[in-house]
Amino acid sequence: REGAARRAAEAAEESTVAEAAAPTAKVPWSQAPAAFRGI
């Protein structure tokens, strides 16, 4: 389903799906704000 949605978004020059799958998982612990590390 995500592949189909991505192809449709690319055809319409949309980037919603790509942004939704953007590298949230690539923001490492070392870059976590001090507030979150304190919690």
PDB file of all heavy atoms in Angstrom:
ATOM      1  N   ARG A   1       0.823  -1.214   0.000  1.00  0.00           N
ATOM      2  CA  ARG A   1       0.000   0.000   0.000  1.00  0.00           C
ATOM      3  C   ARG A   1       0.854   1.259   0.000  1.00  0.00           C
ATOM      4  O   ARG A   1       0.528   2.239  -0.685  1.00  0.00           O
ATOM      5  CB  ARG A   1      -0.917  -0.009   1.229  1.00  0.00           C
ATOM      6  CG  ARG A   1      -2.026  -1.037   1.120  1.00  0.00           C
ATOM      7  CD  ARG A   1      -2.977  -0.937   2.298  1.00  0.00           C
ATOM      8  NE  ARG A   1      -4.078  -1.873   2.150  1.00  0.00           N
ATOM      9  CZ  ARG A   1      -5.078  -2.000   3.008  1.00  0.00           C
ATOM     10  NH1 ARG A   1      -5.113  -1.227   4.094  1.00  0.00           N
ATOM     11  NH2 ARG A   1      -6.046  -2.868   2.804  1.00  0.00           N
ATOM     12  N   GLU A   2       1.946   1.245   0.739  1.00  0.00           N
ATOM     13  CA  GLU A   2       2.803   2.417   0.757  1.00  0.00           C
ATOM     14  C   GLU A   2       3.507   2.596  -0.583  1.00  0.00           C
ATOM     15  O   GLU A   2       3.741   3.728  -1.012  1.00  0.00           O
ATOM     16  CB  GLU A   2       3.824   2.303   1.879  1.00  0.00           C
ATOM     17  CG  GLU A   2       3.209   2.477   3.258  1.00  0.00           C
ATOM     18  CD  GLU A   2       4.263   2.669   4.338  1.00  0.00           C
ATOM     19  OE1 GLU A   2       5.455   2.480   4.041  1.00  0.00           O
ATOM     20  OE2 GLU A   2       3.866   3.017   5.458  1.00  0.00           O
ATOM     21  N   GLY A   3       3.859   1.483  -1.250  1.00  0.00           N
ATOM     22  CA  GLY A   3       4.460   1.593  -2.572  1.00  0.00           C
ATOM     23  C   GLY A   3       3.511   2.223  -3.556  1.00  0.00           C
ATOM     24  O   GLY A   3       3.896   3.096  -4.351  1.00  0.00           O
ATOM     25  N   ALA A   4       2.244   1.812  -3.508  1.00  0.00           N
ATOM     26  CA  ALA A   4       1.253   2.399  -4.405  1.00  0.00           C
ATOM     27  C   ALA A   4       1.045   3.871  -4.092  1.00  0.00           C
ATOM     28  O   ALA A   4       0.944   4.712  -4.994  1.00  0.00           O
ATOM     29  CB  ALA A   4      -0.064   1.641  -4.285  1.00  0.00           C
ATOM     30  N   ALA A   5       0.992   4.206  -2.815  1.00  0.00           N
ATOM     31  CA  ALA A   5       0.801   5.603  -2.424  1.00  0.00           C
ATOM     32  C   ALA A   5       1.996   6.456  -2.841  1.00  0.00           C
ATOM     33  O   ALA A   5       1.838   7.599  -3.277  1.00  0.00           O
ATOM     34  CB  ALA A   5       0.588   5.698  -0.918  1.00  0.00           C
ATOM     35  N   ARG A   6       3.195   5.893  -2.720  1.00  0.00           N
ATOM     36  CA  ARG A   6       4.390   6.645  -3.088  1.00  0.00           C
ATOM     37  C   ARG A   6       4.419   6.915  -4.586  1.00  0.00           C
ATOM     38  O   ARG A   6       4.759   8.010  -5.032  1.00  0.00           O
ATOM     39  CB  ARG A   6       5.641   5.888  -2.655  1.00  0.00           C
ATOM     40  CG  ARG A   6       6.935   6.658  -2.880  1.00  0.00           C
ATOM     41  CD  ARG A   6       8.145   5.906  -2.353  1.00  0.00           C
ATOM     42  NE  ARG A   6       8.115   5.815  -0.906  1.00  0.00           N
ATOM     43  CZ  ARG A   6       7.848   4.695  -0.228  1.00  0.00           C
ATOM     44  NH1 ARG A   6       7.589   3.573  -0.896  1.00  0.00           N
ATOM     45  NH2 ARG A   6       7.834   4.694   1.092  1.00  0.00           N
ATOM     46  N   ARG A   7       4.048   5.912  -5.384  1.00  0.00           N
ATOM     47  CA  ARG A   7       4.032   6.117  -6.833  1.00  0.00           C
ATOM     48  C   ARG A   7       3.008   7.170  -7.219  1.00  0.00           C
ATOM     49  O   ARG A   7       3.242   7.992  -8.105  1.00  0.00           O
ATOM     50  CB  ARG A   7       3.741   4.790  -7.530  1.00  0.00           C
ATOM     51  CG  ARG A   7       4.913   3.810  -7.476  1.00  0.00           C
ATOM     52  CD  ARG A   7       4.680   2.609  -8.387  1.00  0.00           C
ATOM     53  NE  ARG A   7       3.548   1.808  -7.947  1.00  0.00           N
ATOM     54  CZ  ARG A   7       3.649   0.801  -7.084  1.00  0.00           C
ATOM     55  NH1 ARG A   7       4.834   0.501  -6.554  1.00  0.00           N
ATOM     56  NH2 ARG A   7       2.595   0.091  -6.748  1.00  0.00           N
ATOM     57  N   ALA A   8       1.858   7.137  -6.551  1.00  0.00           N
ATOM     58  CA  ALA A   8       0.841   8.141  -6.853  1.00  0.00           C
ATOM     59  C   ALA A   8       1.311   9.537  -6.458  1.00  0.00           C
ATOM     60  O   ALA A   8       1.072  10.514  -7.179  1.00  0.00           O
ATOM     61  CB  ALA A   8      -0.450   7.795  -6.116  1.00  0.00           C
ATOM     62  N   ALA A   9       1.998   9.627  -5.343  1.00  0.00           N
ATOM     63  CA  ALA A   9       2.492  10.931  -4.894  1.00  0.00           C
ATOM     64  C   ALA A   9       3.549  11.470  -5.843  1.00  0.00           C
ATOM     65  O   ALA A   9       3.580  12.667  -6.147  1.00  0.00           O
ATOM     66  CB  ALA A   9       3.054  10.816  -3.481  1.00  0.00           C
ATOM     67  N   GLU A  10       4.427  10.585  -6.319  1.00  0.00           N
ATOM     68  CA  GLU A  10       5.460  11.024  -7.253  1.00  0.00           C
ATOM     69  C   GLU A  10       4.851  11.484  -8.557  1.00  0.00           C
ATOM     70  O   GLU A  10       5.304  12.457  -9.169  1.00  0.00           O
ATOM     71  CB  GLU A  10       6.448   9.889  -7.490  1.00  0.00           C
ATOM     72  CG  GLU A  10       7.335   9.590  -6.273  1.00  0.00           C
ATOM     73  CD  GLU A  10       8.182   8.358  -6.465  1.00  0.00           C
ATOM     74  OE1 GLU A  10       7.956   7.647  -7.489  1.00  0.00           O
ATOM     75  OE2 GLU A  10       9.047   8.082  -5.619  1.00  0.00           O
ATOM     76  N   ALA A  11       3.810  10.787  -9.002  1.00  0.00           N
ATOM     77  CA  ALA A  11       3.155  11.177 -10.253  1.00  0.00           C
ATOM     78  C   ALA A  11       2.530  12.557 -10.129  1.00  0.00           C
ATOM     79  O   ALA A  11       2.466  13.318 -11.085  1.00  0.00           O
ATOM     80  CB  ALA A  11       2.087  10.156 -10.635  1.00  0.00           C
ATOM     81  N   ALA A  12       2.043  12.875  -8.936  1.00  0.00           N
ATOM     82  CA  ALA A  12       1.408  14.172  -8.706  1.00  0.00           C
ATOM     83  C   ALA A  12       2.388  15.199  -8.160  1.00  0.00           C
ATOM     84  O   ALA A  12       1.993  16.282  -7.734  1.00  0.00           O
ATOM     85  CB  ALA A  12       0.240  14.017  -7.742  1.00  0.00           C
ATOM     86  N   GLU A  13       3.684  14.844  -8.172  1.00  0.00           N
ATOM     87  CA  GLU A  13       4.746  15.685  -7.652  1.00  0.00           C
ATOM     88  C   GLU A  13       4.493  16.069  -6.193  1.00  0.00           C
ATOM     89  O   GLU A  13       4.721  17.199  -5.765  1.00  0.00           O
ATOM     90  CB  GLU A  13       4.906  16.952  -8.506  1.00  0.00           C
ATOM     91  CG  GLU A  13       5.369  16.641  -9.908  1.00  0.00           C
ATOM     92  CD  GLU A  13       5.607  17.905 -10.732  1.00  0.00           C
ATOM     93  OE1 GLU A  13       5.290  19.003 -10.227  1.00  0.00           O
ATOM     94  OE2 GLU A  13       6.116  17.775 -11.837  1.00  0.00           O
ATOM     95  N   GLU A  14       3.995  15.071  -5.476  1.00  0.00           N
ATOM     96  CA  GLU A  14       3.781  15.226  -4.038  1.00  0.00           C
ATOM     97  C   GLU A  14       4.918  14.503  -3.324  1.00  0.00           C
ATOM     98  O   GLU A  14       5.473  13.538  -3.827  1.00  0.00           O
ATOM     99  CB  GLU A  14       2.450  14.612  -3.600  1.00  0.00           C
ATOM    100  CG  GLU A  14       1.246  15.280  -4.232  1.00  0.00           C
ATOM    101  CD  GLU A  14       0.865  16.564  -3.525  1.00  0.00           C
ATOM    102  OE1 GLU A  14       1.320  16.736  -2.384  1.00  0.00           O
ATOM    103  OE2 GLU A  14       0.138  17.365  -4.102  1.00  0.00           O
ATOM    104  N   SER A  15       5.231  14.910  -2.129  1.00  0.00           N
ATOM    105  CA  SER A  15       6.289  14.246  -1.350  1.00  0.00           C
ATOM    106  C   SER A  15       5.814  13.850   0.034  1.00  0.00           C
ATOM    107  O   SER A  15       6.618  13.609   0.921  1.00  0.00           O
ATOM    108  CB  SER A  15       7.494  15.173  -1.205  1.00  0.00           C
ATOM    109  OG  SER A  15       7.128  16.353  -0.537  1.00  0.00           O
ATOM    110  N   THR A  16       4.511  13.772   0.214  1.00  0.00           N
ATOM    111  CA  THR A  16       3.972  13.509   1.545  1.00  0.00           C
ATOM    112  C   THR A  16       4.455  12.187   2.097  1.00  0.00           C
ATOM    113  O   THR A  16       4.905  12.085   3.241  1.00  0.00           O
ATOM    114  CB  THR A  16       2.440  13.529   1.510  1.00  0.00           C
ATOM    115  OG1 THR A  16       2.020  14.781   0.980  1.00  0.00           O
ATOM    116  CG2 THR A  16       1.861  13.323   2.908  1.00  0.00           C
ATOM    117  N   VAL A  17       4.356  11.146   1.243  1.00  0.00           N
ATOM    118  CA  VAL A  17       4.738   9.823   1.719  1.00  0.00           C
ATOM    119  C   VAL A  17       6.220   9.761   2.023  1.00  0.00           C
ATOM    120  O   VAL A  17       6.662   9.200   3.024  1.00  0.00           O
ATOM    121  CB  VAL A  17       4.337   8.751   0.685  1.00  0.00           C
ATOM    122  CG1 VAL A  17       4.859   7.379   1.107  1.00  0.00           C
ATOM    123  CG2 VAL A  17       2.838   8.735   0.503  1.00  0.00           C
ATOM    124  N   ALA A  18       7.032  10.384   1.139  1.00  0.00           N
ATOM    125  CA  ALA A  18       8.474  10.364   1.370  1.00  0.00           C
ATOM    126  C   ALA A  18       8.835  11.068   2.661  1.00  0.00           C
ATOM    127  O   ALA A  18       9.701  10.639   3.412  1.00  0.00           O
ATOM    128  CB  ALA A  18       9.195  11.016   0.193  1.00  0.00           C
ATOM    129  N   GLU A  19       8.107  12.188   2.935  1.00  0.00           N
ATOM    130  CA  GLU A  19       8.388  12.894   4.175  1.00  0.00           C
ATOM    131  C   GLU A  19       7.962  12.073   5.377  1.00  0.00           C
ATOM    132  O   GLU A  19       8.620  12.061   6.409  1.00  0.00           O
ATOM    133  CB  GLU A  19       7.663  14.246   4.187  1.00  0.00           C
ATOM    134  CG  GLU A  19       8.263  15.236   3.198  1.00  0.00           C
ATOM    135  CD  GLU A  19       7.459  16.528   3.164  1.00  0.00           C
ATOM    136  OE1 GLU A  19       6.453  16.602   3.903  1.00  0.00           O
ATOM    137  OE2 GLU A  19       7.822  17.436   2.413  1.00  0.00           O
ATOM    138  N   ALA A  20       6.828  11.353   5.220  1.00  0.00           N
ATOM    139  CA  ALA A  20       6.333  10.553   6.343  1.00  0.00           C
ATOM    140  C   ALA A  20       7.293   9.432   6.682  1.00  0.00           C
ATOM    141  O   ALA A  20       7.374   8.994   7.814  1.00  0.00           O
ATOM    142  CB  ALA A  20       4.956   9.974   6.011  1.00  0.00           C
ATOM    143  N   ALA A  21       8.009   8.964   5.639  1.00  0.00           N
ATOM    144  CA  ALA A  21       8.965   7.890   5.870  1.00  0.00           C
ATOM    145  C   ALA A  21      10.384   8.419   6.057  1.00  0.00           C
ATOM    146  O   ALA A  21      11.337   7.666   6.003  1.00  0.00           O
ATOM    147  CB  ALA A  21       8.937   6.899   4.700  1.00  0.00           C
ATOM    148  N   ALA A  22      10.498   9.744   6.256  1.00  0.00           N
ATOM    149  CA  ALA A  22      11.804  10.377   6.400  1.00  0.00           C
ATOM    150  C   ALA A  22      12.526   9.856   7.623  1.00  0.00           C
ATOM    151  O   ALA A  22      11.954   9.166   8.438  1.00  0.00           O
ATOM    152  CB  ALA A  22      11.641  11.895   6.480  1.00  0.00           C
ATOM    153  N   PRO A  23      13.782  10.246   7.763  1.00  0.00           N
ATOM    154  CA  PRO A  23      14.632   9.535   8.728  1.00  0.00           C
ATOM    155  C   PRO A  23      14.395   9.905  10.175  1.00  0.00           C
ATOM    156  O   PRO A  23      15.286  10.368  10.862  1.00  0.00           O
ATOM    157  CB  PRO A  23      16.041   9.940   8.289  1.00  0.00           C
ATOM    158  CG  PRO A  23      15.875  11.307   7.708  1.00  0.00           C
ATOM    159  CD  PRO A  23      14.545  11.296   7.053  1.00  0.00           C
ATOM    160  N   THR A  24      13.157   9.692  10.661  1.00  0.00           N
ATOM    161  CA  THR A  24      12.966   9.871  12.094  1.00  0.00           C
ATOM    162  C   THR A  24      13.791   8.865  12.866  1.00  0.00           C
ATOM    163  O   THR A  24      14.228   9.147  13.970  1.00  0.00           O
ATOM    164  CB  THR A  24      11.492   9.694  12.480  1.00  0.00           C
ATOM    165  OG1 THR A  24      11.082   8.362  12.181  1.00  0.00           O
ATOM    166  CG2 THR A  24      10.617  10.657  11.747  1.00  0.00           C
ATOM    167  N   ALA A  25      13.989   7.704  12.251  1.00  0.00           N
ATOM    168  CA  ALA A  25      14.762   6.689  12.953  1.00  0.00           C
ATOM    169  C   ALA A  25      16.251   6.989  12.939  1.00  0.00           C
ATOM    170  O   ALA A  25      17.026   6.314  13.574  1.00  0.00           O
ATOM    171  CB  ALA A  25      14.508   5.319  12.331  1.00  0.00           C
ATOM    172  N   LYS A  26      16.652   8.038  12.140  1.00  0.00           N
ATOM    173  CA  LYS A  26      18.071   8.335  12.030  1.00  0.00           C
ATOM    174  C   LYS A  26      18.505   9.467  12.949  1.00  0.00           C
ATOM    175  O   LYS A  26      19.642   9.900  12.897  1.00  0.00           O
ATOM    176  CB  LYS A  26      18.408   8.664  10.568  1.00  0.00           C
ATOM    177  CG  LYS A  26      18.185   7.487   9.620  1.00  0.00           C
ATOM    178  CD  LYS A  26      18.561   7.842   8.199  1.00  0.00           C
ATOM    179  CE  LYS A  26      18.320   6.667   7.245  1.00  0.00           C
ATOM    180  NZ  LYS A  26      18.662   7.003   5.851  1.00  0.00           N
ATOM    181  N   VAL A  27      17.568   9.983  13.732  1.00  0.00           N
ATOM    182  CA  VAL A  27      17.939  10.992  14.721  1.00  0.00           C
ATOM    183  C   VAL A  27      18.404  10.258  15.960  1.00  0.00           C
ATOM    184  O   VAL A  27      17.603   9.716  16.709  1.00  0.00           O
ATOM    185  CB  VAL A  27      16.752  11.913  15.051  1.00  0.00           C
ATOM    186  CG1 VAL A  27      17.187  12.980  16.041  1.00  0.00           C
ATOM    187  CG2 VAL A  27      16.211  12.553  13.773  1.00  0.00           C
ATOM    188  N   PRO A  28      19.714  10.182  16.231  1.00  0.00           N
ATOM    189  CA  PRO A  28      20.227   9.279  17.256  1.00  0.00           C
ATOM    190  C   PRO A  28      20.059   9.839  18.657  1.00  0.00           C
ATOM    191  O   PRO A  28      19.722  11.008  18.865  1.00  0.00           O
ATOM    192  CB  PRO A  28      21.716   9.165  16.893  1.00  0.00           C
ATOM    193  CG  PRO A  28      22.032  10.471  16.248  1.00  0.00           C
ATOM    194  CD  PRO A  28      20.789  10.871  15.499  1.00  0.00           C
ATOM    195  N   TRP A  29      20.364   8.971  19.634  1.00  0.00           N
ATOM    196  CA  TRP A  29      20.266   9.360  21.033  1.00  0.00           C
ATOM    197  C   TRP A  29      21.194  10.523  21.347  1.00  0.00           C
ATOM    198  O   TRP A  29      20.863  11.393  22.152  1.00  0.00           O
ATOM    199  CB  TRP A  29      20.609   8.163  21.908  1.00  0.00           C
ATOM    200  CG  TRP A  29      20.683   8.500  23.364  1.00  0.00           C
ATOM    201  CD1 TRP A  29      21.801   8.731  24.106  1.00  0.00           C
ATOM    202  CD2 TRP A  29      19.586   8.688  24.250  1.00  0.00           C
ATOM    203  NE1 TRP A  29      21.462   9.033  25.408  1.00  0.00           N
ATOM    204  CE2 TRP A  29      20.104   9.007  25.511  1.00  0.00           C
ATOM    205  CE3 TRP A  29      18.197   8.596  24.086  1.00  0.00           C
ATOM    206  CZ2 TRP A  29      19.307   9.245  26.611  1.00  0.00           C
ATOM    207  CZ3 TRP A  29      17.395   8.827  25.186  1.00  0.00           C
ATOM    208  CH2 TRP A  29      17.946   9.150  26.424  1.00  0.00           C
ATOM    209  N   SER A  30      22.359  10.554  20.700  1.00  0.00           N
ATOM    210  CA  SER A  30      23.319  11.623  20.991  1.00  0.00           C
ATOM    211  C   SER A  30      22.772  12.997  20.655  1.00  0.00           C
ATOM    212  O   SER A  30      23.238  14.005  21.179  1.00  0.00           O
ATOM    213  CB  SER A  30      24.621  11.379  20.209  1.00  0.00           C
ATOM    214  OG  SER A  30      24.366  11.357  18.818  1.00  0.00           O
ATOM    215  N   GLN A  31      21.767  13.053  19.768  1.00  0.00           N
ATOM    216  CA  GLN A  31      21.168  14.323  19.391  1.00  0.00           C
ATOM    217  C   GLN A  31      19.860  14.595  20.132  1.00  0.00           C
ATOM    218  O   GLN A  31      19.183  15.583  19.855  1.00  0.00           O
ATOM    219  CB  GLN A  31      20.921  14.361  17.879  1.00  0.00           C
ATOM    220  CG  GLN A  31      22.188  14.269  17.052  1.00  0.00           C
ATOM    221  CD  GLN A  31      21.912  14.292  15.562  1.00  0.00           C
ATOM    222  OE1 GLN A  31      20.860  14.732  15.123  1.00  0.00           O
ATOM    223  NE2 GLN A  31      22.863  13.809  14.773  1.00  0.00           N
ATOM    224  N   ALA A  32      19.510  13.720  21.049  1.00  0.00           N
ATOM    225  CA  ALA A  32      18.288  13.928  21.822  1.00  0.00           C
ATOM    226  C   ALA A  32      18.456  15.153  22.715  1.00  0.00           C
ATOM    227  O   ALA A  32      19.509  15.358  23.316  1.00  0.00           O
ATOM    228  CB  ALA A  32      17.982  12.707  22.678  1.00  0.00           C
ATOM    229  N   PRO A  33      17.433  15.999  22.811  1.00  0.00           N
ATOM    230  CA  PRO A  33      17.521  17.192  23.656  1.00  0.00           C
ATOM    231  C   PRO A  33      17.747  16.823  25.119  1.00  0.00           C
ATOM    232  O   PRO A  33      17.379  15.734  25.574  1.00  0.00           O
ATOM    233  CB  PRO A  33      16.159  17.877  23.461  1.00  0.00           C
ATOM    234  CG  PRO A  33      15.649  17.337  22.165  1.00  0.00           C
ATOM    235  CD  PRO A  33      16.165  15.941  22.070  1.00  0.00           C
ATOM    236  N   ALA A  34      18.338  17.759  25.845  1.00  0.00           N
ATOM    237  CA  ALA A  34      18.634  17.517  27.258  1.00  0.00           C
ATOM    238  C   ALA A  34      17.366  17.229  28.050  1.00  0.00           C
ATOM    239  O   ALA A  34      17.383  16.440  29.000  1.00  0.00           O
ATOM    240  CB  ALA A  34      19.364  18.726  27.836  1.00  0.00           C
ATOM    241  N   ALA A  35      16.252  17.870  27.668  1.00  0.00           N
ATOM    242  CA  ALA A  35      15.001  17.649  28.398  1.00  0.00           C
ATOM    243  C   ALA A  35      14.574  16.191  28.319  1.00  0.00           C
ATOM    244  O   ALA A  35      14.161  15.589  29.323  1.00  0.00           O
ATOM    245  CB  ALA A  35      13.896  18.551  27.832  1.00  0.00           C
ATOM    246  N   PHE A  36      14.697  15.600  27.142  1.00  0.00           N
ATOM    247  CA  PHE A  36      14.292  14.206  26.969  1.00  0.00           C
ATOM    248  C   PHE A  36      15.252  13.266  27.682  1.00  0.00           C
ATOM    249  O   PHE A  36      14.840  12.285  28.303  1.00  0.00           O
ATOM    250  CB  PHE A  36      14.213  13.863  25.483  1.00  0.00           C
ATOM    251  CG  PHE A  36      13.786  12.448  25.212  1.00  0.00           C
ATOM    252  CD1 PHE A  36      12.528  11.993  25.571  1.00  0.00           C
ATOM    253  CD2 PHE A  36      14.649  11.550  24.598  1.00  0.00           C
ATOM    254  CE1 PHE A  36      12.131  10.700  25.327  1.00  0.00           C
ATOM    255  CE2 PHE A  36      14.258  10.249  24.344  1.00  0.00           C
ATOM    256  CZ  PHE A  36      12.994   9.824  24.715  1.00  0.00           C
ATOM    257  N   ARG A  37      16.546  13.560  27.631  1.00  0.00           N
ATOM    258  CA  ARG A  37      17.511  12.724  28.339  1.00  0.00           C
ATOM    259  C   ARG A  37      17.275  12.784  29.844  1.00  0.00           C
ATOM    260  O   ARG A  37      17.430  11.785  30.553  1.00  0.00           O
ATOM    261  CB  ARG A  37      18.939  13.148  27.992  1.00  0.00           C
ATOM    262  CG  ARG A  37      19.325  12.879  26.541  1.00  0.00           C
ATOM    263  CD  ARG A  37      20.835  12.859  26.372  1.00  0.00           C
ATOM    264  NE  ARG A  37      21.440  14.136  26.740  1.00  0.00           N
ATOM    265  CZ  ARG A  37      21.625  15.152  25.898  1.00  0.00           C
ATOM    266  NH1 ARG A  37      21.249  15.032  24.625  1.00  0.00           N
ATOM    267  NH2 ARG A  37      22.198  16.265  26.296  1.00  0.00           N
ATOM    268  N   GLY A  38      16.899  13.971  30.343  1.00  0.00           N
ATOM    269  CA  GLY A  38      16.604  14.098  31.767  1.00  0.00           C
ATOM    270  C   GLY A  38      15.386  13.284  32.166  1.00  0.00           C
ATOM    271  O   GLY A  38      15.377  12.630  33.225  1.00  0.00           O
ATOM    272  N   ILE A  39      14.343  13.299  31.339  1.00  0.00           N
ATOM    273  CA  ILE A  39      13.145  12.497  31.610  1.00  0.00           C
ATOM    274  C   ILE A  39      13.502  11.016  31.608  1.00  0.00           C
ATOM    275  O   ILE A  39      13.053  10.252  32.472  1.00  0.00           O
ATOM    276  CB  ILE A  39      12.054  12.801  30.566  1.00  0.00           C
ATOM    277  CG1 ILE A  39      11.491  14.208  30.798  1.00  0.00           C
ATOM    278  CG2 ILE A  39      10.938  11.763  30.620  1.00  0.00           C
ATOM    279  CD1 ILE A  39      10.546  14.674  29.720  1.00  0.00           C
TER     280      ILE A  39
END
